Each structure stands twice: as structure tokens, then as C-alpha cells.
Amino acid sequence: MKKKQIRKYLRHAEDYMEEIEVKMRCLDSTLFFVSLGMEYFHQTENCFEGNTVQFINDYLKAVRNVEIAGLHEALEKLKNV
């Protein structure tokens, strides 16, 4: 591949990463409100459904902080080559 094609491909990959991050933040906000609704619906803080939603929310945050950050680092390394 030519350098121009590689740069174009990396720009597209970076744009997709940004889209994924935006969607994950939106999903994070949605899950927060869903968990609040579950707690209100069940009138307890420790309902099974609310805890499940909170677990999924925590997992998404971990994915964003670890996996997405790793992908950003890989893209930066590729850009510098």
C-alpha cells in the first residue's frame, strides 16, 4: 500500500474509533437512567435487574478505558511509522 492510502485508512480508523466512543458514552448515559428507573420501579436499591444494568455499565466503562485506549495507542504508533 502507498503511504497516502495508509494515511487515509488510518484517518478512517480514527474516525470509526471516535464514533464508537460517542456511542459508548450515549449507551453509558442510557444505562444510568435505566438503572435509576429499575431502582424506582422496585423501590429498592439492590434489585437484581438494576444490579445487572449497573454491571453492564461498569463493563462498558472498563472496555472504554482499557480496550479503546489500547486501540488509540496502536493507531498513534501506526501514524508515526
PDB file of N, CA and C in Angstrom:
ATOM      1  N   MET A   1       0.840  -1.182   0.000  1.00  0.00           N
ATOM      2  CA  MET A   1       0.000   0.000   0.000  1.00  0.00           C
ATOM      3  C   MET A   1       0.886   1.247   0.000  1.00  0.00           C
ATOM      4  N   LYS A   2       0.418   2.261  -0.639  1.00  0.00           N
ATOM      5  CA  LYS A   2       1.142   3.520  -0.660  1.00  0.00           C
ATOM      6  C   LYS A   2       0.894   4.271   0.639  1.00  0.00           C
ATOM      7  N   LYS A   3       1.801   5.199   0.946  1.00  0.00           N
ATOM      8  CA  LYS A   3       1.670   5.979   2.176  1.00  0.00           C
ATOM      9  C   LYS A   3       0.354   6.754   2.210  1.00  0.00           C
ATOM     10  N   LYS A   4      -0.040   7.280   1.063  1.00  0.00           N
ATOM     11  CA  LYS A   4      -1.276   8.054   1.003  1.00  0.00           C
ATOM     12  C   LYS A   4      -2.478   7.174   1.354  1.00  0.00           C
ATOM     13  N   GLN A   5      -2.490   5.956   0.850  1.00  0.00           N
ATOM     14  CA  GLN A   5      -3.589   5.042   1.148  1.00  0.00           C
ATOM     15  C   GLN A   5      -3.583   4.637   2.613  1.00  0.00           C
ATOM     16  N   ILE A   6      -2.396   4.437   3.162  1.00  0.00           N
ATOM     17  CA  ILE A   6      -2.289   4.050   4.572  1.00  0.00           C
ATOM     18  C   ILE A   6      -2.787   5.179   5.459  1.00  0.00           C
ATOM     19  N   ARG A   7      -2.388   6.411   5.156  1.00  0.00           N
ATOM     20  CA  ARG A   7      -2.846   7.561   5.953  1.00  0.00           C
ATOM     21  C   ARG A   7      -4.368   7.695   5.882  1.00  0.00           C
ATOM     22  N   LYS A   8      -4.911   7.499   4.697  1.00  0.00           N
ATOM     23  CA  LYS A   8      -6.364   7.574   4.527  1.00  0.00           C
ATOM     24  C   LYS A   8      -7.048   6.491   5.360  1.00  0.00           C
ATOM     25  N   TYR A   9      -6.509   5.294   5.316  1.00  0.00           N
ATOM     26  CA  TYR A   9      -7.062   4.186   6.092  1.00  0.00           C
ATOM     27  C   TYR A   9      -6.987   4.484   7.585  1.00  0.00           C
ATOM     28  N   LEU A  10      -5.874   5.042   8.054  1.00  0.00           N
ATOM     29  CA  LEU A  10      -5.724   5.365   9.473  1.00  0.00           C
ATOM     30  C   LEU A  10      -6.686   6.475   9.893  1.00  0.00           C
ATOM     31  N   ARG A  11      -6.912   7.454   9.020  1.00  0.00           N
ATOM     32  CA  ARG A  11      -7.876   8.509   9.338  1.00  0.00           C
ATOM     33  C   ARG A  11      -9.276   7.924   9.481  1.00  0.00           C
ATOM     34  N   HIS A  12      -9.631   7.008   8.583  1.00  0.00           N
ATOM     35  CA  HIS A  12     -10.947   6.368   8.677  1.00  0.00           C
ATOM     36  C   HIS A  12     -11.046   5.534   9.955  1.00  0.00           C
ATOM     37  N   ALA A  13      -9.989   4.844  10.299  1.00  0.00           N
ATOM     38  CA  ALA A  13      -9.993   4.045  11.535  1.00  0.00           C
ATOM     39  C   ALA A  13     -10.153   4.951  12.748  1.00  0.00           C
ATOM     40  N   GLU A  14      -9.486   6.084  12.722  1.00  0.00           N
ATOM     41  CA  GLU A  14      -9.598   7.023  13.839  1.00  0.00           C
ATOM     42  C   GLU A  14     -11.009   7.595  13.926  1.00  0.00           C
ATOM     43  N   ASP A  15     -11.619   7.887  12.785  1.00  0.00           N
ATOM     44  CA  ASP A  15     -12.999   8.379  12.779  1.00  0.00           C
ATOM     45  C   ASP A  15     -13.959   7.331  13.337  1.00  0.00           C
ATOM     46  N   TYR A  16     -13.757   6.072  12.968  1.00  0.00           N
ATOM     47  CA  TYR A  16     -14.606   4.999  13.497  1.00  0.00           C
ATOM     48  C   TYR A  16     -14.428   4.864  15.002  1.00  0.00           C
ATOM     49  N   MET A  17     -13.210   5.031  15.479  1.00  0.00           N
ATOM     50  CA  MET A  17     -12.963   4.951  16.926  1.00  0.00           C
ATOM     51  C   MET A  17     -13.720   6.062  17.655  1.00  0.00           C
ATOM     52  N   GLU A  18     -13.712   7.247  17.098  1.00  0.00           N
ATOM     53  CA  GLU A  18     -14.440   8.351  17.713  1.00  0.00           C
ATOM     54  C   GLU A  18     -15.938   8.076  17.723  1.00  0.00           C
ATOM     55  N   GLU A  19     -16.459   7.514  16.638  1.00  0.00           N
ATOM     56  CA  GLU A  19     -17.877   7.158  16.596  1.00  0.00           C
ATOM     57  C   GLU A  19     -18.219   6.130  17.666  1.00  0.00           C
ATOM     58  N   ILE A  20     -17.364   5.154  17.821  1.00  0.00           N
ATOM     59  CA  ILE A  20     -17.583   4.116  18.835  1.00  0.00           C
ATOM     60  C   ILE A  20     -17.589   4.737  20.220  1.00  0.00           C
ATOM     61  N   GLU A  21     -16.667   5.658  20.483  1.00  0.00           N
ATOM     62  CA  GLU A  21     -16.619   6.302  21.797  1.00  0.00           C
ATOM     63  C   GLU A  21     -17.881   7.108  22.070  1.00  0.00           C
ATOM     64  N   VAL A  22     -18.370   7.821  21.066  1.00  0.00           N
ATOM     65  CA  VAL A  22     -19.604   8.604  21.242  1.00  0.00           C
ATOM     66  C   VAL A  22     -20.771   7.671  21.543  1.00  0.00           C
ATOM     67  N   LYS A  23     -20.874   6.577  20.803  1.00  0.00           N
ATOM     68  CA  LYS A  23     -21.962   5.622  21.034  1.00  0.00           C
ATOM     69  C   LYS A  23     -21.857   4.984  22.408  1.00  0.00           C
ATOM     70  N   MET A  24     -20.632   4.712  22.863  1.00  0.00           N
ATOM     71  CA  MET A  24     -20.458   4.126  24.190  1.00  0.00           C
ATOM     72  C   MET A  24     -20.843   5.117  25.282  1.00  0.00           C
ATOM     73  N   ARG A  25     -20.535   6.393  25.089  1.00  0.00           N
ATOM     74  CA  ARG A  25     -20.943   7.401  26.075  1.00  0.00           C
ATOM     75  C   ARG A  25     -22.459   7.529  26.124  1.00  0.00           C
ATOM     76  N   CYS A  26     -23.110   7.493  24.957  1.00  0.00           N
ATOM     77  CA  CYS A  26     -24.575   7.553  24.923  1.00  0.00           C
ATOM     78  C   CYS A  26     -25.175   6.335  25.612  1.00  0.00           C
ATOM     79  N   LEU A  27     -24.610   5.173  25.359  1.00  0.00           N
ATOM     80  CA  LEU A  27     -25.081   3.951  25.996  1.00  0.00           C
ATOM     81  C   LEU A  27     -24.867   4.009  27.501  1.00  0.00           C
ATOM     82  N   ASP A  28     -23.757   4.593  27.915  1.00  0.00           N
ATOM     83  CA  ASP A  28     -23.461   4.761  29.335  1.00  0.00           C
ATOM     84  C   ASP A  28     -24.532   5.624  30.003  1.00  0.00           C
ATOM     85  N   SER A  29     -24.879   6.724  29.367  1.00  0.00           N
ATOM     86  CA  SER A  29     -25.916   7.605  29.916  1.00  0.00           C
ATOM     87  C   SER A  29     -27.270   6.910  29.958  1.00  0.00           C
ATOM     88  N   THR A  30     -27.588   6.190  28.910  1.00  0.00           N
ATOM     89  CA  THR A  30     -28.864   5.472  28.862  1.00  0.00           C
ATOM     90  C   THR A  30     -28.948   4.431  29.969  1.00  0.00           C
ATOM     91  N   LEU A  31     -27.879   3.679  30.152  1.00  0.00           N
ATOM     92  CA  LEU A  31     -27.880   2.655  31.199  1.00  0.00           C
ATOM     93  C   LEU A  31     -27.992   3.269  32.591  1.00  0.00           C
ATOM     94  N   PHE A  32     -27.416   4.437  32.785  1.00  0.00           N
ATOM     95  CA  PHE A  32     -27.547   5.116  34.075  1.00  0.00           C
ATOM     96  C   PHE A  32     -29.018   5.397  34.383  1.00  0.00           C
ATOM     97  N   PHE A  33     -29.728   5.943  33.410  1.00  0.00           N
ATOM     98  CA  PHE A  33     -31.132   6.260  33.635  1.00  0.00           C
ATOM     99  C   PHE A  33     -32.000   5.011  33.735  1.00  0.00           C
ATOM    100  N   VAL A  34     -31.649   3.968  33.012  1.00  0.00           N
ATOM    101  CA  VAL A  34     -32.377   2.702  33.130  1.00  0.00           C
ATOM    102  C   VAL A  34     -32.204   2.129  34.529  1.00  0.00           C
ATOM    103  N   SER A  35     -30.985   2.195  35.069  1.00  0.00           N
ATOM    104  CA  SER A  35     -30.767   1.662  36.416  1.00  0.00           C
ATOM    105  C   SER A  35     -31.529   2.474  37.453  1.00  0.00           C
ATOM    106  N   LEU A  36     -31.596   3.792  37.271  1.00  0.00           N
ATOM    107  CA  LEU A  36     -32.398   4.615  38.185  1.00  0.00           C
ATOM    108  C   LEU A  36     -33.874   4.239  38.101  1.00  0.00           C
ATOM    109  N   GLY A  37     -34.359   4.002  36.894  1.00  0.00           N
ATOM    110  CA  GLY A  37     -35.750   3.597  36.716  1.00  0.00           C
ATOM    111  C   GLY A  37     -36.033   2.244  37.349  1.00  0.00           C
ATOM    112  N   MET A  38     -35.090   1.321  37.233  1.00  0.00           N
ATOM    113  CA  MET A  38     -35.257  -0.002  37.850  1.00  0.00           C
ATOM    114  C   MET A  38     -35.327   0.125  39.368  1.00  0.00           C
ATOM    115  N   GLU A  39     -34.458   0.958  39.926  1.00  0.00           N
ATOM    116  CA  GLU A  39     -34.487   1.147  41.380  1.00  0.00           C
ATOM    117  C   GLU A  39     -35.808   1.769  41.816  1.00  0.00           C
ATOM    118  N   TYR A  40     -36.298   2.735  41.057  1.00  0.00           N
ATOM    119  CA  TYR A  40     -37.567   3.365  41.398  1.00  0.00           C
ATOM    120  C   TYR A  40     -38.719   2.369  41.258  1.00  0.00           C
ATOM    121  N   PHE A  41     -38.707   1.579  40.194  1.00  0.00           N
ATOM    122  CA  PHE A  41     -39.769   0.614  39.939  1.00  0.00           C
ATOM    123  C   PHE A  41     -39.836  -0.432  41.041  1.00  0.00           C
ATOM    124  N   HIS A  42     -38.683  -0.915  41.483  1.00  0.00           N
ATOM    125  CA  HIS A  42     -38.654  -1.947  42.511  1.00  0.00           C
ATOM    126  C   HIS A  42     -38.624  -1.372  43.925  1.00  0.00           C
ATOM    127  N   GLN A  43     -38.489  -0.075  44.049  1.00  0.00           N
ATOM    128  CA  GLN A  43     -38.458   0.626  45.334  1.00  0.00           C
ATOM    129  C   GLN A  43     -37.336   0.141  46.261  1.00  0.00           C
ATOM    130  N   THR A  44     -36.294  -0.436  45.687  1.00  0.00           N
ATOM    131  CA  THR A  44     -35.127  -0.836  46.469  1.00  0.00           C
ATOM    132  C   THR A  44     -33.882  -0.498  45.661  1.00  0.00           C
ATOM    133  N   GLU A  45     -32.777  -0.305  46.360  1.00  0.00           N
ATOM    134  CA  GLU A  45     -31.527  -0.008  45.674  1.00  0.00           C
ATOM    135  C   GLU A  45     -30.860  -1.269  45.157  1.00  0.00           C
ATOM    136  N   ASN A  46     -31.156  -2.402  45.750  1.00  0.00           N
ATOM    137  CA  ASN A  46     -30.473  -3.645  45.387  1.00  0.00           C
ATOM    138  C   ASN A  46     -31.396  -4.623  44.677  1.00  0.00           C
ATOM    139  N   CYS A  47     -32.002  -4.202  43.583  1.00  0.00           N
ATOM    140  CA  CYS A  47     -32.809  -5.135  42.806  1.00  0.00           C
ATOM    141  C   CYS A  47     -31.901  -5.829  41.787  1.00  0.00           C
ATOM    142  N   PHE A  48     -32.259  -7.041  41.440  1.00  0.00           N
ATOM    143  CA  PHE A  48     -31.438  -7.839  40.531  1.00  0.00           C
ATOM    144  C   PHE A  48     -31.271  -7.160  39.177  1.00  0.00           C
ATOM    145  N   GLU A  49     -32.350  -6.661  38.608  1.00  0.00           N
ATOM    146  CA  GLU A  49     -32.299  -6.043  37.291  1.00  0.00           C
ATOM    147  C   GLU A  49     -31.434  -4.790  37.307  1.00  0.00           C
ATOM    148  N   GLY A  50     -31.592  -3.984  38.350  1.00  0.00           N
ATOM    149  CA  GLY A  50     -30.776  -2.771  38.478  1.00  0.00           C
ATOM    150  C   GLY A  50     -29.301  -3.096  38.622  1.00  0.00           C
ATOM    151  N   ASN A  51     -29.008  -4.138  39.382  1.00  0.00           N
ATOM    152  CA  ASN A  51     -27.610  -4.552  39.538  1.00  0.00           C
ATOM    153  C   ASN A  51     -27.037  -5.083  38.228  1.00  0.00           C
ATOM    154  N   THR A  52     -27.860  -5.770  37.450  1.00  0.00           N
ATOM    155  CA  THR A  52     -27.410  -6.275  36.151  1.00  0.00           C
ATOM    156  C   THR A  52     -27.087  -5.117  35.214  1.00  0.00           C
ATOM    157  N   VAL A  53     -27.952  -4.128  35.182  1.00  0.00           N
ATOM    158  CA  VAL A  53     -27.715  -2.955  34.338  1.00  0.00           C
ATOM    159  C   VAL A  53     -26.449  -2.234  34.799  1.00  0.00           C
ATOM    160  N   GLN A  54     -26.269  -2.117  36.094  1.00  0.00           N
ATOM    161  CA  GLN A  54     -25.068  -1.457  36.619  1.00  0.00           C
ATOM    162  C   GLN A  54     -23.811  -2.247  36.268  1.00  0.00           C
ATOM    163  N   PHE A  55     -23.890  -3.567  36.311  1.00  0.00           N
ATOM    164  CA  PHE A  55     -22.755  -4.403  35.930  1.00  0.00           C
ATOM    165  C   PHE A  55     -22.381  -4.181  34.464  1.00  0.00           C
ATOM    166  N   ILE A  56     -23.387  -4.133  33.602  1.00  0.00           N
ATOM    167  CA  ILE A  56     -23.137  -3.891  32.177  1.00  0.00           C
ATOM    168  C   ILE A  56     -22.517  -2.513  31.982  1.00  0.00           C
ATOM    169  N   ASN A  57     -23.007  -1.540  32.712  1.00  0.00           N
ATOM    170  CA  ASN A  57     -22.468  -0.187  32.632  1.00  0.00           C
ATOM    171  C   ASN A  57     -21.002  -0.165  33.061  1.00  0.00           C
ATOM    172  N   ASP A  58     -20.685  -0.834  34.145  1.00  0.00           N
ATOM    173  CA  ASP A  58     -19.295  -0.895  34.613  1.00  0.00           C
ATOM    174  C   ASP A  58     -18.401  -1.609  33.611  1.00  0.00           C
ATOM    175  N   TYR A  59     -18.925  -2.653  32.985  1.00  0.00           N
ATOM    176  CA  TYR A  59     -18.157  -3.385  31.976  1.00  0.00           C
ATOM    177  C   TYR A  59     -17.855  -2.495  30.773  1.00  0.00           C
ATOM    178  N   LEU A  60     -18.842  -1.728  30.328  1.00  0.00           N
ATOM    179  CA  LEU A  60     -18.623  -0.823  29.201  1.00  0.00           C
ATOM    180  C   LEU A  60     -17.586   0.242  29.532  1.00  0.00           C
ATOM    181  N   LYS A  61     -17.607   0.735  30.765  1.00  0.00           N
ATOM    182  CA  LYS A  61     -16.594   1.711  31.170  1.00  0.00           C
ATOM    183  C   LYS A  61     -15.204   1.087  31.154  1.00  0.00           C
ATOM    184  N   ALA A  62     -15.103  -0.151  31.600  1.00  0.00           N
ATOM    185  CA  ALA A  62     -13.809  -0.837  31.591  1.00  0.00           C
ATOM    186  C   ALA A  62     -13.329  -1.055  30.161  1.00  0.00           C
ATOM    187  N   VAL A  63     -14.228  -1.436  29.280  1.00  0.00           N
ATOM    188  CA  VAL A  63     -13.865  -1.626  27.874  1.00  0.00           C
ATOM    189  C   VAL A  63     -13.373  -0.308  27.290  1.00  0.00           C
ATOM    190  N   ARG A  64     -14.089   0.753  27.589  1.00  0.00           N
ATOM    191  CA  ARG A  64     -13.698   2.062  27.058  1.00  0.00           C
ATOM    192  C   ARG A  64     -12.340   2.489  27.593  1.00  0.00           C
ATOM    193  N   ASN A  65     -12.103   2.268  28.870  1.00  0.00           N
ATOM    194  CA  ASN A  65     -10.848   2.717  29.477  1.00  0.00           C
ATOM    195  C   ASN A  65      -9.656   1.856  29.094  1.00  0.00           C
ATOM    196  N   VAL A  66      -9.860   0.581  28.836  1.00  0.00           N
ATOM    197  CA  VAL A  66      -8.737  -0.322  28.562  1.00  0.00           C
ATOM    198  C   VAL A  66      -8.605  -0.608  27.069  1.00  0.00           C
ATOM    199  N   GLU A  67      -9.652  -1.167  26.484  1.00  0.00           N
ATOM    200  CA  GLU A  67      -9.575  -1.615  25.095  1.00  0.00           C
ATOM    201  C   GLU A  67      -9.497  -0.445  24.116  1.00  0.00           C
ATOM    202  N   ILE A  68     -10.365   0.522  24.287  1.00  0.00           N
ATOM    203  CA  ILE A  68     -10.377   1.658  23.369  1.00  0.00           C
ATOM    204  C   ILE A  68      -9.090   2.468  23.511  1.00  0.00           C
ATOM    205  N   ALA A  69      -8.609   2.620  24.731  1.00  0.00           N
ATOM    206  CA  ALA A  69      -7.341   3.326  24.930  1.00  0.00           C
ATOM    207  C   ALA A  69      -6.195   2.581  24.254  1.00  0.00           C
ATOM    208  N   GLY A  70      -6.204   1.262  24.320  1.00  0.00           N
ATOM    209  CA  GLY A  70      -5.184   0.456  23.646  1.00  0.00           C
ATOM    210  C   GLY A  70      -5.247   0.625  22.134  1.00  0.00           C
ATOM    211  N   LEU A  71      -6.454   0.687  21.600  1.00  0.00           N
ATOM    212  CA  LEU A  71      -6.603   0.894  20.160  1.00  0.00           C
ATOM    213  C   LEU A  71      -6.104   2.275  19.738  1.00  0.00           C
ATOM    214  N   HIS A  72      -6.359   3.272  20.567  1.00  0.00           N
ATOM    215  CA  HIS A  72      -5.841   4.610  20.269  1.00  0.00           C
ATOM    216  C   HIS A  72      -4.312   4.612  20.255  1.00  0.00           C
ATOM    217  N   GLU A  73      -3.714   3.936  21.212  1.00  0.00           N
ATOM    218  CA  GLU A  73      -2.249   3.851  21.239  1.00  0.00           C
ATOM    219  C   GLU A  73      -1.712   3.160  19.996  1.00  0.00           C
ATOM    220  N   ALA A  74      -2.363   2.089  19.579  1.00  0.00           N
ATOM    221  CA  ALA A  74      -1.935   1.370  18.379  1.00  0.00           C
ATOM    222  C   ALA A  74      -2.049   2.265  17.138  1.00  0.00           C
ATOM    223  N   LEU A  75      -3.131   3.030  17.051  1.00  0.00           N
ATOM    224  CA  LEU A  75      -3.282   3.936  15.920  1.00  0.00           C
ATOM    225  C   LEU A  75      -2.198   5.004  15.922  1.00  0.00           C
ATOM    226  N   GLU A  76      -1.864   5.525  17.101  1.00  0.00           N
ATOM    227  CA  GLU A  76      -0.811   6.548  17.184  1.00  0.00           C
ATOM    228  C   GLU A  76       0.534   5.969  16.750  1.00  0.00           C
ATOM    229  N   LYS A  77       0.820   4.742  17.159  1.00  0.00           N
ATOM    230  CA  LYS A  77       2.073   4.100  16.750  1.00  0.00           C
ATOM    231  C   LYS A  77       2.120   3.915  15.237  1.00  0.00           C
ATOM    232  N   LEU A  78       0.990   3.503  14.665  1.00  0.00           N
ATOM    233  CA  LEU A  78       0.936   3.308  13.220  1.00  0.00           C
ATOM    234  C   LEU A  78       1.096   4.624  12.466  1.00  0.00           C
ATOM    235  N   LYS A  79       0.544   5.694  13.016  1.00  0.00           N
ATOM    236  CA  LYS A  79       0.686   7.003  12.371  1.00  0.00           C
ATOM    237  C   LYS A  79       2.146   7.443  12.328  1.00  0.00           C
ATOM    238  N   ASN A  80       2.883   7.117  13.372  1.00  0.00           N
ATOM    239  CA  ASN A  80       4.266   7.570  13.470  1.00  0.00           C
ATOM    240  C   ASN A  80       5.241   6.744  12.630  1.00  0.00           C
ATOM    241  N   VAL A  81       4.764   5.630  12.098  1.00  0.00           N
ATOM    242  CA  VAL A  81       5.647   4.764  11.288  1.00  0.00           C
ATOM    243  C   VAL A  81       5.823   5.310   9.920  1.00  0.00           C
TER     244      VAL A  81
END
